Amino acid sequence: MPNPIARTEDIELRLLLEAIYLKYHYDFRGYAMASVKRRLNQARERFDCRSFSQLQDKVLNEPGMMDELLTYLTVQVSELFRDPAYFRAIREKVVPHLKTYPSIKVWIAGCSTGEELYSFAILFREEGLEERTMFYATDINPEALRKAEAGVYDLERMRLFTENHRLSGGKSSLSDYYSAGYGAATFDKSLRKRTVFSDHSLVTDAVFAETQMVSCRNVLIYFNKDLQGRAIGLFRDSLTRGGFLGLGSKETLRFSPHADDFSDFSRDERLYQKRGAH
């Protein structure tokens, strides 16, 4: 027999997500519910709410509450050159194709606090592509975008970042790209001089640019199948013919309605190439 308390909680959860969408236009209704529920339970504990209904009341009526809640609903766990084999494959296999373009646009979708952006900026500088590339770094979390634009990270993380950079085939020392002080590493402003930071939702927004590469890693795992299909459709529509799509290590196009629009380019590293005439 179904647990009536659990059922009531699930109803309250869906009402909370509906309220967030109606008031703030952030749409988490198609996210994987188990993940959303776990994160909102953490928020309930943090804000001392007995129920999702009480949390909903705070979100609707207390200024600044939605910004705080976004830190729970959006996952901000990343590192420079995360999964170094992915970046090595881009360096060795994708870059030779990109070098044939007079200008390049790269979309980092779900850029979080910017680690992936700086990984691309450094890699493209080392490969001589920086001056002809424009990066679009997008996320739904304004606070994460502010951190990405600042480019300041805990100095203790640099050891891991440095090792990742080396394993990705880095052609210089990572320390060439940042200055250290007061326990923080600040990446050189020149790395983001060709970057547009922008609020963009894969759930509700449209394509905004024609690109030669899209990198969206460890975002789709939080979406249900319909939202995954929508996001991959956006990437397909953004990419030029022969453009490249990179996904996270636990993500795949195999079950997507758009799978036939792409060919496997580097299967182990989840890199795909757009087919077709446009």
C-alpha atoms as a PDB file:
ATOM      1  CA  MET A   1       0.000   0.000   0.000  1.00  0.00           C
ATOM      2  CA  PRO A   2       1.449   3.430  -0.934  1.00  0.00           C
ATOM      3  CA  ASN A   3       2.786   5.552   1.904  1.00  0.00           C
ATOM      4  CA  PRO A   4       0.391   8.563   2.131  1.00  0.00           C
ATOM      5  CA  ILE A   5       3.107  10.734   3.702  1.00  0.00           C
ATOM      6  CA  ALA A   6       5.505  10.008   0.852  1.00  0.00           C
ATOM      7  CA  ARG A   7       2.760  10.728  -1.671  1.00  0.00           C
ATOM      8  CA  THR A   8       1.948  14.063  -0.014  1.00  0.00           C
ATOM      9  CA  GLU A   9       5.655  14.939  -0.030  1.00  0.00           C
ATOM     10  CA  ASP A  10       5.908  14.203  -3.754  1.00  0.00           C
ATOM     11  CA  ILE A  11       2.864  16.407  -4.437  1.00  0.00           C
ATOM     12  CA  GLU A  12       4.430  19.227  -2.407  1.00  0.00           C
ATOM     13  CA  LEU A  13       7.694  18.772  -4.306  1.00  0.00           C
ATOM     14  CA  ARG A  14       5.978  19.101  -7.684  1.00  0.00           C
ATOM     15  CA  LEU A  15       4.053  22.157  -6.471  1.00  0.00           C
ATOM     16  CA  LEU A  16       7.324  23.737  -5.323  1.00  0.00           C
ATOM     17  CA  LEU A  17       8.926  23.174  -8.745  1.00  0.00           C
ATOM     18  CA  GLU A  18       5.814  24.599 -10.436  1.00  0.00           C
ATOM     19  CA  ALA A  19       5.943  27.676  -8.174  1.00  0.00           C
ATOM     20  CA  ILE A  20       9.630  28.226  -8.986  1.00  0.00           C
ATOM     21  CA  TYR A  21       8.836  28.045 -12.695  1.00  0.00           C
ATOM     22  CA  LEU A  22       5.828  30.378 -12.516  1.00  0.00           C
ATOM     23  CA  LYS A  23       7.551  33.051 -10.433  1.00  0.00           C
ATOM     24  CA  TYR A  24      11.208  32.872 -11.476  1.00  0.00           C
ATOM     25  CA  HIS A  25      11.069  31.044 -14.856  1.00  0.00           C
ATOM     26  CA  TYR A  26      13.609  28.423 -13.756  1.00  0.00           C
ATOM     27  CA  ASP A  27      12.238  25.113 -14.981  1.00  0.00           C
ATOM     28  CA  PHE A  28      13.340  22.086 -12.961  1.00  0.00           C
ATOM     29  CA  ARG A  29      10.143  20.134 -13.609  1.00  0.00           C
ATOM     30  CA  GLY A  30      11.825  17.837 -16.125  1.00  0.00           C
ATOM     31  CA  TYR A  31      14.901  17.129 -14.042  1.00  0.00           C
ATOM     32  CA  ALA A  32      15.481  13.628 -12.675  1.00  0.00           C
ATOM     33  CA  MET A  33      13.193  13.652  -9.635  1.00  0.00           C
ATOM     34  CA  ALA A  34      15.341  11.512  -7.333  1.00  0.00           C
ATOM     35  CA  SER A  35      18.230  13.959  -7.729  1.00  0.00           C
ATOM     36  CA  VAL A  36      16.029  17.055  -7.318  1.00  0.00           C
ATOM     37  CA  LYS A  37      14.369  15.602  -4.236  1.00  0.00           C
ATOM     38  CA  ARG A  38      17.693  14.792  -2.616  1.00  0.00           C
ATOM     39  CA  ARG A  39      19.033  18.302  -3.192  1.00  0.00           C
ATOM     40  CA  LEU A  40      15.837  20.012  -2.029  1.00  0.00           C
ATOM     41  CA  ASN A  41      15.845  17.894   1.108  1.00  0.00           C
ATOM     42  CA  GLN A  42      19.306  19.311   1.800  1.00  0.00           C
ATOM     43  CA  ALA A  43      17.865  22.789   1.281  1.00  0.00           C
ATOM     44  CA  ARG A  44      14.975  22.027   3.636  1.00  0.00           C
ATOM     45  CA  GLU A  45      17.458  21.088   6.324  1.00  0.00           C
ATOM     46  CA  ARG A  46      19.580  24.161   5.689  1.00  0.00           C
ATOM     47  CA  PHE A  47      16.598  26.539   5.878  1.00  0.00           C
ATOM     48  CA  ASP A  48      14.918  24.694   8.757  1.00  0.00           C
ATOM     49  CA  CYS A  49      11.745  23.823   6.814  1.00  0.00           C
ATOM     50  CA  ARG A  50       9.533  20.952   7.958  1.00  0.00           C
ATOM     51  CA  SER A  51       8.093  20.428   4.486  1.00  0.00           C
ATOM     52  CA  PHE A  52       8.476  21.355   0.828  1.00  0.00           C
ATOM     53  CA  SER A  53       5.382  23.533   1.277  1.00  0.00           C
ATOM     54  CA  GLN A  54       7.180  25.576   3.922  1.00  0.00           C
ATOM     55  CA  LEU A  55      10.189  25.864   1.629  1.00  0.00           C
ATOM     56  CA  GLN A  56       7.848  26.990  -1.156  1.00  0.00           C
ATOM     57  CA  ASP A  57       6.457  29.732   1.075  1.00  0.00           C
ATOM     58  CA  LYS A  58       9.986  31.025   1.721  1.00  0.00           C
ATOM     59  CA  VAL A  59      10.922  30.870  -1.963  1.00  0.00           C
ATOM     60  CA  LEU A  60       7.824  32.827  -3.014  1.00  0.00           C
ATOM     61  CA  ASN A  61       7.940  35.460  -0.296  1.00  0.00           C
ATOM     62  CA  GLU A  62      11.480  36.017   0.950  1.00  0.00           C
ATOM     63  CA  PRO A  63      13.811  38.200  -1.184  1.00  0.00           C
ATOM     64  CA  GLY A  64      17.040  36.489  -2.176  1.00  0.00           C
ATOM     65  CA  MET A  65      15.790  33.041  -1.243  1.00  0.00           C
ATOM     66  CA  MET A  66      15.664  31.826  -4.852  1.00  0.00           C
ATOM     67  CA  ASP A  67      19.305  32.763  -5.410  1.00  0.00           C
ATOM     68  CA  GLU A  68      20.279  30.674  -2.393  1.00  0.00           C
ATOM     69  CA  LEU A  69      18.127  27.770  -3.507  1.00  0.00           C
ATOM     70  CA  LEU A  70      19.819  27.748  -6.915  1.00  0.00           C
ATOM     71  CA  THR A  71      23.053  26.678  -5.240  1.00  0.00           C
ATOM     72  CA  TYR A  72      21.268  23.460  -4.267  1.00  0.00           C
ATOM     73  CA  LEU A  73      19.417  22.919  -7.548  1.00  0.00           C
ATOM     74  CA  THR A  74      22.410  23.480  -9.822  1.00  0.00           C
ATOM     75  CA  VAL A  75      25.414  21.209  -9.415  1.00  0.00           C
ATOM     76  CA  GLN A  76      28.710  23.100  -9.250  1.00  0.00           C
ATOM     77  CA  VAL A  77      31.312  20.394  -9.041  1.00  0.00           C
ATOM     78  CA  SER A  78      34.038  20.585 -11.642  1.00  0.00           C
ATOM     79  CA  GLU A  79      37.789  20.842 -12.107  1.00  0.00           C
ATOM     80  CA  LEU A  80      40.213  22.089 -14.717  1.00  0.00           C
ATOM     81  CA  PHE A  81      40.826  19.486 -17.432  1.00  0.00           C
ATOM     82  CA  ARG A  82      38.394  17.089 -15.736  1.00  0.00           C
ATOM     83  CA  ASP A  83      38.702  13.672 -17.403  1.00  0.00           C
ATOM     84  CA  PRO A  84      42.056  14.522 -19.038  1.00  0.00           C
ATOM     85  CA  ALA A  85      41.545  11.956 -21.814  1.00  0.00           C
ATOM     86  CA  TYR A  86      38.615  14.064 -23.069  1.00  0.00           C
ATOM     87  CA  PHE A  87      40.830  17.114 -23.471  1.00  0.00           C
ATOM     88  CA  ARG A  88      43.653  15.066 -24.945  1.00  0.00           C
ATOM     89  CA  ALA A  89      41.229  13.766 -27.578  1.00  0.00           C
ATOM     90  CA  ILE A  90      40.155  17.329 -28.361  1.00  0.00           C
ATOM     91  CA  ARG A  91      43.793  18.396 -28.596  1.00  0.00           C
ATOM     92  CA  GLU A  92      44.857  15.511 -30.823  1.00  0.00           C
ATOM     93  CA  LYS A  93      41.722  14.758 -32.865  1.00  0.00           C
ATOM     94  CA  VAL A  94      39.366  17.760 -32.876  1.00  0.00           C
ATOM     95  CA  VAL A  95      41.841  20.652 -33.048  1.00  0.00           C
ATOM     96  CA  PRO A  96      43.223  19.594 -36.478  1.00  0.00           C
ATOM     97  CA  HIS A  97      39.663  19.937 -37.866  1.00  0.00           C
ATOM     98  CA  LEU A  98      39.048  23.252 -36.116  1.00  0.00           C
ATOM     99  CA  LYS A  99      42.280  24.662 -37.551  1.00  0.00           C
ATOM    100  CA  THR A 100      40.658  24.552 -40.994  1.00  0.00           C
ATOM    101  CA  TYR A 101      38.120  27.237 -39.962  1.00  0.00           C
ATOM    102  CA  PRO A 102      39.000  30.940 -40.278  1.00  0.00           C
ATOM    103  CA  SER A 103      36.927  31.637 -37.160  1.00  0.00           C
ATOM    104  CA  ILE A 104      35.622  29.321 -34.453  1.00  0.00           C
ATOM    105  CA  LYS A 105      32.791  29.521 -31.946  1.00  0.00           C
ATOM    106  CA  VAL A 106      32.697  27.183 -28.970  1.00  0.00           C
ATOM    107  CA  TRP A 107      29.727  26.861 -26.639  1.00  0.00           C
ATOM    108  CA  ILE A 108      30.451  25.690 -23.078  1.00  0.00           C
ATOM    109  CA  ALA A 109      26.918  24.825 -21.924  1.00  0.00           C
ATOM    110  CA  GLY A 110      26.379  24.520 -18.173  1.00  0.00           C
ATOM    111  CA  CYS A 111      29.746  26.155 -17.513  1.00  0.00           C
ATOM    112  CA  SER A 112      29.154  26.305 -13.741  1.00  0.00           C
ATOM    113  CA  THR A 113      32.004  28.175 -12.021  1.00  0.00           C
ATOM    114  CA  GLY A 114      34.207  28.214 -15.115  1.00  0.00           C
ATOM    115  CA  GLU A 115      36.693  25.391 -14.776  1.00  0.00           C
ATOM    116  CA  GLU A 116      35.788  23.920 -18.168  1.00  0.00           C
ATOM    117  CA  LEU A 117      35.979  27.308 -19.854  1.00  0.00           C
ATOM    118  CA  TYR A 118      39.519  27.955 -18.607  1.00  0.00           C
ATOM    119  CA  SER A 119      40.496  24.437 -19.669  1.00  0.00           C
ATOM    120  CA  PHE A 120      39.380  25.215 -23.221  1.00  0.00           C
ATOM    121  CA  ALA A 121      40.935  28.685 -23.225  1.00  0.00           C
ATOM    122  CA  ILE A 122      44.305  27.299 -22.117  1.00  0.00           C
ATOM    123  CA  LEU A 123      44.163  24.393 -24.567  1.00  0.00           C
ATOM    124  CA  PHE A 124      43.228  26.685 -27.466  1.00  0.00           C
ATOM    125  CA  ARG A 125      46.037  29.100 -26.580  1.00  0.00           C
ATOM    126  CA  GLU A 126      48.540  26.250 -26.516  1.00  0.00           C
ATOM    127  CA  GLU A 127      47.260  24.999 -29.879  1.00  0.00           C
ATOM    128  CA  GLY A 128      47.349  28.435 -31.541  1.00  0.00           C
ATOM    129  CA  LEU A 129      43.571  28.779 -31.901  1.00  0.00           C
ATOM    130  CA  GLU A 130      42.855  31.419 -29.262  1.00  0.00           C
ATOM    131  CA  GLU A 131      42.878  34.502 -31.487  1.00  0.00           C
ATOM    132  CA  ARG A 132      40.295  33.131 -33.924  1.00  0.00           C
ATOM    133  CA  THR A 133      37.959  31.635 -31.293  1.00  0.00           C
ATOM    134  CA  MET A 134      34.955  33.072 -29.477  1.00  0.00           C
ATOM    135  CA  PHE A 135      33.742  31.176 -26.410  1.00  0.00           C
ATOM    136  CA  TYR A 136      30.167  31.275 -25.114  1.00  0.00           C
ATOM    137  CA  ALA A 137      30.043  30.223 -21.448  1.00  0.00           C
ATOM    138  CA  THR A 138      26.447  29.736 -20.301  1.00  0.00           C
ATOM    139  CA  ASP A 139      24.695  28.617 -17.133  1.00  0.00           C
ATOM    140  CA  ILE A 140      21.360  29.195 -15.403  1.00  0.00           C
ATOM    141  CA  ASN A 141      22.990  30.189 -12.115  1.00  0.00           C
ATOM    142  CA  PRO A 142      24.000  33.900 -11.992  1.00  0.00           C
ATOM    143  CA  GLU A 143      26.266  33.365  -8.973  1.00  0.00           C
ATOM    144  CA  ALA A 144      28.133  30.560 -10.761  1.00  0.00           C
ATOM    145  CA  LEU A 145      28.594  32.835 -13.790  1.00  0.00           C
ATOM    146  CA  ARG A 146      30.024  35.572 -11.557  1.00  0.00           C
ATOM    147  CA  LYS A 147      32.542  33.108 -10.163  1.00  0.00           C
ATOM    148  CA  ALA A 148      33.396  31.915 -13.656  1.00  0.00           C
ATOM    149  CA  GLU A 149      34.041  35.463 -14.800  1.00  0.00           C
ATOM    150  CA  ALA A 150      36.230  36.154 -11.762  1.00  0.00           C
ATOM    151  CA  GLY A 151      38.379  33.059 -12.384  1.00  0.00           C
ATOM    152  CA  VAL A 152      39.461  32.676  -8.750  1.00  0.00           C
ATOM    153  CA  TYR A 153      39.902  29.197  -7.257  1.00  0.00           C
ATOM    154  CA  ASP A 154      41.217  27.712  -4.035  1.00  0.00           C
ATOM    155  CA  LEU A 155      44.989  27.323  -4.286  1.00  0.00           C
ATOM    156  CA  GLU A 156      44.732  23.825  -2.805  1.00  0.00           C
ATOM    157  CA  ARG A 157      42.943  22.697  -5.987  1.00  0.00           C
ATOM    158  CA  MET A 158      45.882  23.634  -8.218  1.00  0.00           C
ATOM    159  CA  ARG A 159      47.798  20.405  -7.596  1.00  0.00           C
ATOM    160  CA  LEU A 160      44.933  18.360  -9.088  1.00  0.00           C
ATOM    161  CA  PHE A 161      44.364  20.906 -11.874  1.00  0.00           C
ATOM    162  CA  THR A 162      48.070  20.842 -12.741  1.00  0.00           C
ATOM    163  CA  GLU A 163      48.143  17.047 -12.956  1.00  0.00           C
ATOM    164  CA  ASN A 164      44.999  17.016 -15.102  1.00  0.00           C
ATOM    165  CA  HIS A 165      46.579  19.608 -17.436  1.00  0.00           C
ATOM    166  CA  ARG A 166      49.726  17.482 -17.768  1.00  0.00           C
ATOM    167  CA  LEU A 167      47.705  14.333 -18.528  1.00  0.00           C
ATOM    168  CA  SER A 168      45.667  16.225 -21.124  1.00  0.00           C
ATOM    169  CA  GLY A 169      48.841  16.868 -23.124  1.00  0.00           C
ATOM    170  CA  GLY A 170      49.505  20.364 -21.793  1.00  0.00           C
ATOM    171  CA  LYS A 171      52.370  22.144 -23.539  1.00  0.00           C
ATOM    172  CA  SER A 172      53.349  24.493 -20.721  1.00  0.00           C
ATOM    173  CA  SER A 173      53.120  24.815 -16.962  1.00  0.00           C
ATOM    174  CA  LEU A 174      49.641  25.548 -15.628  1.00  0.00           C
ATOM    175  CA  SER A 175      51.220  28.069 -13.259  1.00  0.00           C
ATOM    176  CA  ASP A 176      51.955  30.248 -16.319  1.00  0.00           C
ATOM    177  CA  TYR A 177      48.231  31.034 -16.464  1.00  0.00           C
ATOM    178  CA  TYR A 178      47.482  32.145 -12.914  1.00  0.00           C
ATOM    179  CA  SER A 179      48.878  34.210 -10.074  1.00  0.00           C
ATOM    180  CA  ALA A 180      48.794  32.915  -6.502  1.00  0.00           C
ATOM    181  CA  GLY A 181      48.183  34.828  -3.312  1.00  0.00           C
ATOM    182  CA  TYR A 182      46.222  34.711  -0.062  1.00  0.00           C
ATOM    183  CA  GLY A 183      45.320  31.053  -0.571  1.00  0.00           C
ATOM    184  CA  ALA A 184      43.763  31.651  -3.988  1.00  0.00           C
ATOM    185  CA  ALA A 185      44.753  31.210  -7.621  1.00  0.00           C
ATOM    186  CA  THR A 186      43.519  33.933  -9.982  1.00  0.00           C
ATOM    187  CA  PHE A 187      43.560  33.053 -13.661  1.00  0.00           C
ATOM    188  CA  ASP A 188      44.859  35.642 -16.118  1.00  0.00           C
ATOM    189  CA  LYS A 189      42.171  37.973 -17.464  1.00  0.00           C
ATOM    190  CA  SER A 190      43.504  37.477 -20.986  1.00  0.00           C
ATOM    191  CA  LEU A 191      42.137  33.907 -20.921  1.00  0.00           C
ATOM    192  CA  ARG A 192      38.577  35.253 -20.941  1.00  0.00           C
ATOM    193  CA  LYS A 193      39.018  38.236 -23.242  1.00  0.00           C
ATOM    194  CA  ARG A 194      37.257  36.307 -26.024  1.00  0.00           C
ATOM    195  CA  THR A 195      34.483  34.896 -23.839  1.00  0.00           C
ATOM    196  CA  VAL A 196      30.836  35.912 -23.584  1.00  0.00           C
ATOM    197  CA  PHE A 197      29.298  34.882 -20.254  1.00  0.00           C
ATOM    198  CA  SER A 198      25.540  34.531 -20.434  1.00  0.00           C
ATOM    199  CA  ASP A 199      22.528  33.247 -18.531  1.00  0.00           C
ATOM    200  CA  HIS A 200      21.000  30.477 -20.667  1.00  0.00           C
ATOM    201  CA  SER A 201      18.665  27.578 -19.875  1.00  0.00           C
ATOM    202  CA  LEU A 202      18.784  24.362 -21.879  1.00  0.00           C
ATOM    203  CA  VAL A 203      15.222  23.749 -20.667  1.00  0.00           C
ATOM    204  CA  THR A 204      13.502  26.937 -21.846  1.00  0.00           C
ATOM    205  CA  ASP A 205      15.834  28.959 -24.092  1.00  0.00           C
ATOM    206  CA  ALA A 206      16.611  28.708 -27.803  1.00  0.00           C
ATOM    207  CA  VAL A 207      19.789  28.449 -29.854  1.00  0.00           C
ATOM    208  CA  PHE A 208      21.649  31.765 -29.910  1.00  0.00           C
ATOM    209  CA  ALA A 209      24.685  31.167 -32.157  1.00  0.00           C
ATOM    210  CA  GLU A 210      26.127  28.945 -34.863  1.00  0.00           C
ATOM    211  CA  THR A 211      29.055  27.028 -33.410  1.00  0.00           C
ATOM    212  CA  GLN A 212      31.782  24.613 -34.443  1.00  0.00           C
ATOM    213  CA  MET A 213      31.900  22.879 -31.054  1.00  0.00           C
ATOM    214  CA  VAL A 214      29.598  22.394 -28.081  1.00  0.00           C
ATOM    215  CA  SER A 215      30.868  20.978 -24.799  1.00  0.00           C
ATOM    216  CA  CYS A 216      28.156  20.099 -22.282  1.00  0.00           C
ATOM    217  CA  ARG A 217      29.441  17.675 -19.705  1.00  0.00           C
ATOM    218  CA  ASN A 218      27.703  16.210 -16.669  1.00  0.00           C
ATOM    219  CA  VAL A 219      24.543  18.239 -17.173  1.00  0.00           C
ATOM    220  CA  LEU A 220      22.303  15.823 -19.082  1.00  0.00           C
ATOM    221  CA  ILE A 221      22.551  13.224 -16.310  1.00  0.00           C
ATOM    222  CA  TYR A 222      20.300  15.489 -14.223  1.00  0.00           C
ATOM    223  CA  PHE A 223      17.607  15.694 -16.944  1.00  0.00           C
ATOM    224  CA  ASN A 224      14.809  13.266 -17.750  1.00  0.00           C
ATOM    225  CA  LYS A 225      14.704  11.735 -21.241  1.00  0.00           C
ATOM    226  CA  ASP A 226      12.518  14.478 -22.741  1.00  0.00           C
ATOM    227  CA  LEU A 227      14.806  17.250 -21.511  1.00  0.00           C
ATOM    228  CA  GLN A 228      17.874  15.372 -22.673  1.00  0.00           C
ATOM    229  CA  GLY A 229      16.304  15.186 -26.128  1.00  0.00           C
ATOM    230  CA  ARG A 230      15.512  18.901 -26.089  1.00  0.00           C
ATOM    231  CA  ALA A 231      19.067  19.844 -25.084  1.00  0.00           C
ATOM    232  CA  ILE A 232      20.682  17.612 -27.709  1.00  0.00           C
ATOM    233  CA  GLY A 233      18.313  19.107 -30.294  1.00  0.00           C
ATOM    234  CA  LEU A 234      19.597  22.560 -29.327  1.00  0.00           C
ATOM    235  CA  PHE A 235      23.188  21.421 -29.723  1.00  0.00           C
ATOM    236  CA  ARG A 236      22.420  19.889 -33.127  1.00  0.00           C
ATOM    237  CA  ASP A 237      20.755  23.108 -34.295  1.00  0.00           C
ATOM    238  CA  SER A 238      23.661  25.207 -33.034  1.00  0.00           C
ATOM    239  CA  LEU A 239      26.406  23.139 -34.662  1.00  0.00           C
ATOM    240  CA  THR A 240      27.574  23.619 -38.217  1.00  0.00           C
ATOM    241  CA  ARG A 241      27.811  20.536 -40.413  1.00  0.00           C
ATOM    242  CA  GLY A 242      30.817  18.562 -39.193  1.00  0.00           C
ATOM    243  CA  GLY A 243      30.739  20.353 -35.835  1.00  0.00           C
ATOM    244  CA  PHE A 244      31.676  18.547 -32.641  1.00  0.00           C
ATOM    245  CA  LEU A 245      29.676  17.730 -29.506  1.00  0.00           C
ATOM    246  CA  GLY A 246      31.325  16.649 -26.268  1.00  0.00           C
ATOM    247  CA  LEU A 247      29.399  15.034 -23.405  1.00  0.00           C
ATOM    248  CA  GLY A 248      30.295  13.761 -19.939  1.00  0.00           C
ATOM    249  CA  SER A 249      31.778  10.338 -19.290  1.00  0.00           C
ATOM    250  CA  LYS A 250      28.430   8.927 -18.082  1.00  0.00           C
ATOM    251  CA  GLU A 251      26.389  10.497 -20.898  1.00  0.00           C
ATOM    252  CA  THR A 252      25.634   9.167 -24.373  1.00  0.00           C
ATOM    253  CA  LEU A 253      23.657   9.926 -27.522  1.00  0.00           C
ATOM    254  CA  ARG A 254      22.819   6.253 -27.979  1.00  0.00           C
ATOM    255  CA  PHE A 255      19.216   6.522 -26.788  1.00  0.00           C
ATOM    256  CA  SER A 256      18.565  10.060 -27.993  1.00  0.00           C
ATOM    257  CA  PRO A 257      15.953  10.812 -30.698  1.00  0.00           C
ATOM    258  CA  HIS A 258      18.738  12.830 -32.355  1.00  0.00           C
ATOM    259  CA  ALA A 259      21.333  10.029 -32.333  1.00  0.00           C
ATOM    260  CA  ASP A 260      21.164   9.636 -36.119  1.00  0.00           C
ATOM    261  CA  ASP A 261      22.177  13.290 -36.549  1.00  0.00           C
ATOM    262  CA  PHE A 262      25.640  12.487 -35.163  1.00  0.00           C
ATOM    263  CA  SER A 263      28.410   9.999 -35.763  1.00  0.00           C
ATOM    264  CA  ASP A 264      30.791   8.669 -33.113  1.00  0.00           C
ATOM    265  CA  PHE A 265      34.009  10.627 -33.423  1.00  0.00           C
ATOM    266  CA  SER A 266      35.853   9.423 -30.338  1.00  0.00           C
ATOM    267  CA  ARG A 267      33.469   7.037 -28.595  1.00  0.00           C
ATOM    268  CA  ASP A 268      35.444   6.444 -25.401  1.00  0.00           C
ATOM    269  CA  GLU A 269      35.733  10.192 -24.777  1.00  0.00           C
ATOM    270  CA  ARG A 270      32.060  10.874 -25.683  1.00  0.00           C
ATOM    271  CA  LEU A 271      32.921  13.079 -28.651  1.00  0.00           C
ATOM    272  CA  TYR A 272      30.463  13.165 -31.546  1.00  0.00           C
ATOM    273  CA  GLN A 273      30.400  14.841 -34.958  1.00  0.00           C
ATOM    274  CA  LYS A 274      27.315  16.290 -36.587  1.00  0.00           C
ATOM    275  CA  ARG A 275      26.232  14.724 -39.864  1.00  0.00           C
ATOM    276  CA  GLY A 276      23.930  16.214 -42.480  1.00  0.00           C
ATOM    277  CA  ALA A 277      23.730  18.980 -44.993  1.00  0.00           C
ATOM    278  CA  HIS A 278      23.304  21.883 -42.575  1.00  0.00           C
END
